[in-house]
Amino acid sequence: SFNRLIVEGYLSPLVSFRRDVGIDLSSVKIGASGDYMEGAAAEAVDHEAITRKAVQECVAYASQRWSWLLFASSVKHAENITRMLWQHGISAAAIHSELPAGEREARIKAFKRGQLRCLVNMNVLTTGFDFPPIDFIGMLRPTRSTGLWVQMLGRGTRPFDFTRYPTDTDEDRAVVSFFRFVKQNCLVLDFAGNARSLGPIND
């Protein structure tokens, strides 16, 4: 049914590539939930050289993409990714639970207006966040949860055509005024090895 929904235009296809930036999860323990223990996973992923290489690959491969969403492994990791993106000239903001609610909403609104090219998410925009123009996902959060994997990638599966997008609200009109493109697919760079361990989300 997933593939059928893509063929019929209800979902946008994902174009996914596994990128090896040196993340080693062999010593990360599995918690009671069946997923990696969050602190240990973040410690394995959040290294300066690993993050810098991943950010460089995002900049290189997603340069023609309009709207980026990156998944981080901790709050500190999200902030580190954001800092490196700015160093490459990519306007970005971290989104996580330690931000005041008002600041979090302001950053999301700036993203939806095209004032920020990228949001770097930690445990806030994983489920329920609906922004169809997202056409690039960078995965720096390892998981053994198929449900979480599907939810994270699901942020990129909404189709988008600016000529058919609703213009009922000021927010809708702001989206159409900036994101003037028709989404063909969503590029996924999987730095965390999730596709290798869990498979594609249509399987």
C-alpha atoms as a PDB file:
ATOM      1  CA  SER A   1       0.000   0.000   0.000  1.00  0.00           C
ATOM      2  CA  PHE A   2       2.919   2.368   0.660  1.00  0.00           C
ATOM      3  CA  ASN A   3       4.222   1.945  -2.884  1.00  0.00           C
ATOM      4  CA  ARG A   4       0.715   2.307  -4.288  1.00  0.00           C
ATOM      5  CA  LEU A   5       0.259   5.612  -2.434  1.00  0.00           C
ATOM      6  CA  ILE A   6       3.483   6.866  -4.033  1.00  0.00           C
ATOM      7  CA  VAL A   7       2.370   5.787  -7.517  1.00  0.00           C
ATOM      8  CA  GLU A   8      -0.995   7.477  -7.040  1.00  0.00           C
ATOM      9  CA  GLY A   9       0.612  10.700  -5.814  1.00  0.00           C
ATOM     10  CA  TYR A  10      -0.540  10.634  -2.204  1.00  0.00           C
ATOM     11  CA  LEU A  11       3.014  10.258  -0.895  1.00  0.00           C
ATOM     12  CA  SER A  12       6.300  11.664  -2.137  1.00  0.00           C
ATOM     13  CA  PRO A  13       9.004   9.077  -2.860  1.00  0.00           C
ATOM     14  CA  LEU A  14      12.177   8.945  -0.789  1.00  0.00           C
ATOM     15  CA  VAL A  15      15.589   8.744  -2.450  1.00  0.00           C
ATOM     16  CA  SER A  16      17.849   7.317   0.222  1.00  0.00           C
ATOM     17  CA  PHE A  17      21.615   6.891   0.442  1.00  0.00           C
ATOM     18  CA  ARG A  18      23.619   5.431   3.287  1.00  0.00           C
ATOM     19  CA  ARG A  19      26.648   7.599   4.042  1.00  0.00           C
ATOM     20  CA  ASP A  20      29.441   6.283   6.283  1.00  0.00           C
ATOM     21  CA  VAL A  21      30.910   9.062   8.416  1.00  0.00           C
ATOM     22  CA  GLY A  22      32.478   6.786  11.035  1.00  0.00           C
ATOM     23  CA  ILE A  23      29.652   6.254  13.531  1.00  0.00           C
ATOM     24  CA  ASP A  24      30.363   3.118  15.596  1.00  0.00           C
ATOM     25  CA  LEU A  25      27.384   1.750  17.546  1.00  0.00           C
ATOM     26  CA  SER A  26      28.922  -1.624  18.409  1.00  0.00           C
ATOM     27  CA  SER A  27      29.364  -0.757  22.094  1.00  0.00           C
ATOM     28  CA  VAL A  28      26.033   1.070  22.540  1.00  0.00           C
ATOM     29  CA  LYS A  29      23.687  -0.886  24.794  1.00  0.00           C
ATOM     30  CA  ILE A  30      20.015  -1.527  24.108  1.00  0.00           C
ATOM     31  CA  GLY A  31      17.583  -0.222  26.702  1.00  0.00           C
ATOM     32  CA  ALA A  32      14.361  -1.748  28.048  1.00  0.00           C
ATOM     33  CA  SER A  33      12.399  -0.108  25.212  1.00  0.00           C
ATOM     34  CA  GLY A  34      14.366  -2.118  22.654  1.00  0.00           C
ATOM     35  CA  ASP A  35      16.043   1.000  21.278  1.00  0.00           C
ATOM     36  CA  TYR A  36      19.559   2.312  21.830  1.00  0.00           C
ATOM     37  CA  MET A  37      20.136   3.934  25.204  1.00  0.00           C
ATOM     38  CA  GLU A  38      19.846   7.616  24.331  1.00  0.00           C
ATOM     39  CA  GLY A  39      22.842   8.942  26.230  1.00  0.00           C
ATOM     40  CA  ALA A  40      25.179   6.229  24.987  1.00  0.00           C
ATOM     41  CA  ALA A  41      23.985   6.642  21.400  1.00  0.00           C
ATOM     42  CA  ALA A  42      24.552  10.396  21.565  1.00  0.00           C
ATOM     43  CA  GLU A  43      28.049   9.822  22.931  1.00  0.00           C
ATOM     44  CA  ALA A  44      28.827   7.523  19.992  1.00  0.00           C
ATOM     45  CA  VAL A  45      27.519   9.977  17.409  1.00  0.00           C
ATOM     46  CA  ASP A  46      28.415  13.433  18.719  1.00  0.00           C
ATOM     47  CA  HIS A  47      32.078  13.703  17.746  1.00  0.00           C
ATOM     48  CA  GLU A  48      33.462  16.822  16.092  1.00  0.00           C
ATOM     49  CA  ALA A  49      34.974  14.960  13.122  1.00  0.00           C
ATOM     50  CA  ILE A  50      31.880  12.805  12.519  1.00  0.00           C
ATOM     51  CA  THR A  51      29.470  15.728  12.723  1.00  0.00           C
ATOM     52  CA  ARG A  52      31.630  17.938  10.547  1.00  0.00           C
ATOM     53  CA  LYS A  53      31.896  15.257   7.847  1.00  0.00           C
ATOM     54  CA  ALA A  54      28.131  14.681   7.906  1.00  0.00           C
ATOM     55  CA  VAL A  55      27.419  18.398   7.645  1.00  0.00           C
ATOM     56  CA  GLN A  56      29.855  18.706   4.733  1.00  0.00           C
ATOM     57  CA  GLU A  57      28.026  15.898   2.921  1.00  0.00           C
ATOM     58  CA  CYS A  58      24.658  17.538   3.576  1.00  0.00           C
ATOM     59  CA  VAL A  59      25.927  20.794   2.091  1.00  0.00           C
ATOM     60  CA  ALA A  60      27.404  18.997  -0.916  1.00  0.00           C
ATOM     61  CA  TYR A  61      24.495  16.678  -1.757  1.00  0.00           C
ATOM     62  CA  ALA A  62      21.513  18.815  -0.744  1.00  0.00           C
ATOM     63  CA  SER A  63      22.628  22.145  -2.178  1.00  0.00           C
ATOM     64  CA  GLN A  64      19.678  22.234  -4.584  1.00  0.00           C
ATOM     65  CA  ARG A  65      17.110  21.197  -1.970  1.00  0.00           C
ATOM     66  CA  TRP A  66      14.712  23.768  -0.567  1.00  0.00           C
ATOM     67  CA  SER A  67      13.793  22.667   2.933  1.00  0.00           C
ATOM     68  CA  TRP A  68      16.003  20.592   5.229  1.00  0.00           C
ATOM     69  CA  LEU A  69      15.198  18.607   8.371  1.00  0.00           C
ATOM     70  CA  LEU A  70      18.047  16.971  10.283  1.00  0.00           C
ATOM     71  CA  PHE A  71      17.661  14.546  13.180  1.00  0.00           C
ATOM     72  CA  ALA A  72      20.174  14.774  16.022  1.00  0.00           C
ATOM     73  CA  SER A  73      20.955  12.386  18.894  1.00  0.00           C
ATOM     74  CA  SER A  74      20.919  14.879  21.777  1.00  0.00           C
ATOM     75  CA  VAL A  75      20.281  18.539  22.536  1.00  0.00           C
ATOM     76  CA  LYS A  76      24.005  19.252  22.526  1.00  0.00           C
ATOM     77  CA  HIS A  77      24.381  17.380  19.251  1.00  0.00           C
ATOM     78  CA  ALA A  78      21.574  19.442  17.691  1.00  0.00           C
ATOM     79  CA  GLU A  79      23.303  22.649  18.743  1.00  0.00           C
ATOM     80  CA  ASN A  80      26.646  21.433  17.387  1.00  0.00           C
ATOM     81  CA  ILE A  81      25.112  20.516  14.010  1.00  0.00           C
ATOM     82  CA  THR A  82      23.408  23.906  13.832  1.00  0.00           C
ATOM     83  CA  ARG A  83      26.652  25.744  14.543  1.00  0.00           C
ATOM     84  CA  MET A  84      28.453  23.858  11.770  1.00  0.00           C
ATOM     85  CA  LEU A  85      25.658  24.474   9.269  1.00  0.00           C
ATOM     86  CA  TRP A  86      25.951  28.227   9.863  1.00  0.00           C
ATOM     87  CA  GLN A  87      29.701  27.944   9.269  1.00  0.00           C
ATOM     88  CA  HIS A  88      28.820  26.591   5.808  1.00  0.00           C
ATOM     89  CA  GLY A  89      26.380  29.411   5.144  1.00  0.00           C
ATOM     90  CA  ILE A  90      23.233  27.333   5.784  1.00  0.00           C
ATOM     91  CA  SER A  91      20.651  29.178   7.872  1.00  0.00           C
ATOM     92  CA  ALA A  92      19.573  26.739  10.582  1.00  0.00           C
ATOM     93  CA  ALA A  93      18.079  26.481  14.049  1.00  0.00           C
ATOM     94  CA  ALA A  94      17.978  23.717  16.643  1.00  0.00           C
ATOM     95  CA  ILE A  95      14.604  22.522  17.912  1.00  0.00           C
ATOM     96  CA  HIS A  96      14.520  20.672  21.237  1.00  0.00           C
ATOM     97  CA  SER A  97      12.706  20.436  24.549  1.00  0.00           C
ATOM     98  CA  GLU A  98      15.057  22.761  26.413  1.00  0.00           C
ATOM     99  CA  LEU A  99      13.921  25.778  24.388  1.00  0.00           C
ATOM    100  CA  PRO A 100      11.108  27.950  25.741  1.00  0.00           C
ATOM    101  CA  ALA A 101       7.879  27.123  23.894  1.00  0.00           C
ATOM    102  CA  GLY A 102       7.690  30.624  22.404  1.00  0.00           C
ATOM    103  CA  GLU A 103      11.204  30.431  20.987  1.00  0.00           C
ATOM    104  CA  ARG A 104      10.554  26.968  19.590  1.00  0.00           C
ATOM    105  CA  GLU A 105       7.428  28.192  17.799  1.00  0.00           C
ATOM    106  CA  ALA A 106       9.243  31.261  16.479  1.00  0.00           C
ATOM    107  CA  ARG A 107      11.947  29.080  14.945  1.00  0.00           C
ATOM    108  CA  ILE A 108       9.391  26.773  13.337  1.00  0.00           C
ATOM    109  CA  LYS A 109       7.523  29.760  11.878  1.00  0.00           C
ATOM    110  CA  ALA A 110      10.777  31.172  10.466  1.00  0.00           C
ATOM    111  CA  PHE A 111      11.449  27.778   8.877  1.00  0.00           C
ATOM    112  CA  LYS A 112       7.984  27.686   7.295  1.00  0.00           C
ATOM    113  CA  ARG A 113       8.471  31.194   5.885  1.00  0.00           C
ATOM    114  CA  GLY A 114      11.770  30.201   4.275  1.00  0.00           C
ATOM    115  CA  GLN A 115      13.802  32.396   6.623  1.00  0.00           C
ATOM    116  CA  LEU A 116      15.604  29.275   7.867  1.00  0.00           C
ATOM    117  CA  ARG A 117      16.656  26.598   5.439  1.00  0.00           C
ATOM    118  CA  CYS A 118      17.123  23.900   8.049  1.00  0.00           C
ATOM    119  CA  LEU A 119      15.734  22.742  11.374  1.00  0.00           C
ATOM    120  CA  VAL A 120      17.881  20.403  13.461  1.00  0.00           C
ATOM    121  CA  ASN A 121      15.487  18.358  15.546  1.00  0.00           C
ATOM    122  CA  MET A 122      15.868  16.457  18.776  1.00  0.00           C
ATOM    123  CA  ASN A 123      12.681  14.726  19.964  1.00  0.00           C
ATOM    124  CA  VAL A 124      10.249  17.517  19.038  1.00  0.00           C
ATOM    125  CA  LEU A 125       9.411  17.254  15.336  1.00  0.00           C
ATOM    126  CA  THR A 126       9.645  13.474  15.086  1.00  0.00           C
ATOM    127  CA  THR A 127       5.894  12.816  14.918  1.00  0.00           C
ATOM    128  CA  GLY A 128       2.990  15.047  13.957  1.00  0.00           C
ATOM    129  CA  PHE A 129       5.076  17.761  12.305  1.00  0.00           C
ATOM    130  CA  ASP A 130       3.559  18.405   8.898  1.00  0.00           C
ATOM    131  CA  PHE A 131       5.423  20.612   6.435  1.00  0.00           C
ATOM    132  CA  PRO A 132       5.111  19.311   2.848  1.00  0.00           C
ATOM    133  CA  PRO A 133       8.005  21.328   1.279  1.00  0.00           C
ATOM    134  CA  ILE A 134      10.593  19.292   3.242  1.00  0.00           C
ATOM    135  CA  ASP A 135      12.684  17.697   0.497  1.00  0.00           C
ATOM    136  CA  PHE A 136      15.849  16.736   2.380  1.00  0.00           C
ATOM    137  CA  ILE A 137      16.318  14.690   5.551  1.00  0.00           C
ATOM    138  CA  GLY A 138      19.703  14.193   7.179  1.00  0.00           C
ATOM    139  CA  MET A 139      19.686  11.307   9.654  1.00  0.00           C
ATOM    140  CA  LEU A 140      22.185  11.535  12.491  1.00  0.00           C
ATOM    141  CA  ARG A 141      20.020   9.748  15.021  1.00  0.00           C
ATOM    142  CA  PRO A 142      20.486   5.978  15.200  1.00  0.00           C
ATOM    143  CA  THR A 143      17.489   3.872  16.204  1.00  0.00           C
ATOM    144  CA  ARG A 144      16.426   0.248  16.399  1.00  0.00           C
ATOM    145  CA  SER A 145      12.751   1.212  16.461  1.00  0.00           C
ATOM    146  CA  THR A 146      10.964   0.619  13.171  1.00  0.00           C
ATOM    147  CA  GLY A 147       8.132   2.874  14.312  1.00  0.00           C
ATOM    148  CA  LEU A 148      10.468   5.780  15.039  1.00  0.00           C
ATOM    149  CA  TRP A 149      12.318   5.198  11.756  1.00  0.00           C
ATOM    150  CA  VAL A 150       9.069   5.370   9.792  1.00  0.00           C
ATOM    151  CA  GLN A 151       7.914   8.463  11.690  1.00  0.00           C
ATOM    152  CA  MET A 152      11.171  10.346  11.120  1.00  0.00           C
ATOM    153  CA  LEU A 153      11.278   9.619   7.395  1.00  0.00           C
ATOM    154  CA  GLY A 154       7.560  10.277   7.171  1.00  0.00           C
ATOM    155  CA  ARG A 155       8.319  13.981   7.619  1.00  0.00           C
ATOM    156  CA  GLY A 156       9.582  13.943   4.018  1.00  0.00           C
ATOM    157  CA  THR A 157       6.823  11.913   2.364  1.00  0.00           C
ATOM    158  CA  ARG A 158       4.215  14.664   2.005  1.00  0.00           C
ATOM    159  CA  PRO A 159       3.833  15.755  -1.642  1.00  0.00           C
ATOM    160  CA  PHE A 160       4.109  19.466  -2.400  1.00  0.00           C
ATOM    161  CA  ASP A 161       3.098  21.509  -5.428  1.00  0.00           C
ATOM    162  CA  PHE A 162       3.039  25.255  -4.808  1.00  0.00           C
ATOM    163  CA  THR A 163       0.392  25.740  -7.520  1.00  0.00           C
ATOM    164  CA  ARG A 164      -2.040  23.514  -5.609  1.00  0.00           C
ATOM    165  CA  TYR A 165      -1.145  24.456  -2.047  1.00  0.00           C
ATOM    166  CA  PRO A 166      -3.968  26.078  -0.048  1.00  0.00           C
ATOM    167  CA  THR A 167      -3.804  29.823   0.529  1.00  0.00           C
ATOM    168  CA  ASP A 168      -6.468  30.095   3.232  1.00  0.00           C
ATOM    169  CA  THR A 169      -4.253  31.569   5.959  1.00  0.00           C
ATOM    170  CA  ASP A 170      -1.363  34.038   6.175  1.00  0.00           C
ATOM    171  CA  GLU A 171       0.935  31.117   6.989  1.00  0.00           C
ATOM    172  CA  ASP A 172      -0.199  29.229   3.877  1.00  0.00           C
ATOM    173  CA  ARG A 173       0.329  32.300   1.710  1.00  0.00           C
ATOM    174  CA  ALA A 174       3.816  32.772   3.173  1.00  0.00           C
ATOM    175  CA  VAL A 175       4.685  29.181   2.225  1.00  0.00           C
ATOM    176  CA  VAL A 176       3.517  29.608  -1.366  1.00  0.00           C
ATOM    177  CA  SER A 177       5.298  32.956  -1.753  1.00  0.00           C
ATOM    178  CA  PHE A 178       8.672  31.398  -0.914  1.00  0.00           C
ATOM    179  CA  PHE A 179       8.561  27.682  -1.782  1.00  0.00           C
ATOM    180  CA  ARG A 180       7.750  28.010  -5.470  1.00  0.00           C
ATOM    181  CA  PHE A 181       8.561  24.492  -6.612  1.00  0.00           C
ATOM    182  CA  VAL A 182       7.011  21.099  -7.255  1.00  0.00           C
ATOM    183  CA  LYS A 183       8.511  18.399  -5.064  1.00  0.00           C
ATOM    184  CA  GLN A 184       9.679  15.377  -7.040  1.00  0.00           C
ATOM    185  CA  ASN A 185      11.065  13.405  -4.089  1.00  0.00           C
ATOM    186  CA  CYS A 186      12.756  13.747  -0.720  1.00  0.00           C
ATOM    187  CA  LEU A 187      16.472  13.040  -0.487  1.00  0.00           C
ATOM    188  CA  VAL A 188      17.581  11.101   2.605  1.00  0.00           C
ATOM    189  CA  LEU A 189      21.192  10.853   3.704  1.00  0.00           C
ATOM    190  CA  ASP A 190      21.356   8.147   6.354  1.00  0.00           C
ATOM    191  CA  PHE A 191      24.512   8.671   8.396  1.00  0.00           C
ATOM    192  CA  ALA A 192      23.276   6.501  11.283  1.00  0.00           C
ATOM    193  CA  GLY A 193      22.981   3.150   9.490  1.00  0.00           C
ATOM    194  CA  ASN A 194      19.241   2.868  10.137  1.00  0.00           C
ATOM    195  CA  ALA A 195      18.359   1.697   6.640  1.00  0.00           C
ATOM    196  CA  ARG A 196      20.992  -1.026   6.890  1.00  0.00           C
ATOM    197  CA  SER A 197      19.634  -2.379  10.193  1.00  0.00           C
ATOM    198  CA  LEU A 198      15.899  -1.724   9.718  1.00  0.00           C
ATOM    199  CA  GLY A 199      15.394  -1.660   5.967  1.00  0.00           C
ATOM    200  CA  PRO A 200      13.465   0.851   3.849  1.00  0.00           C
ATOM    201  CA  ILE A 201      10.192   2.100   5.295  1.00  0.00           C
ATOM    202  CA  ASN A 202       8.119   0.521   2.490  1.00  0.00           C
ATOM    203  CA  ASP A 203       9.293  -2.967   3.578  1.00  0.00           C
END
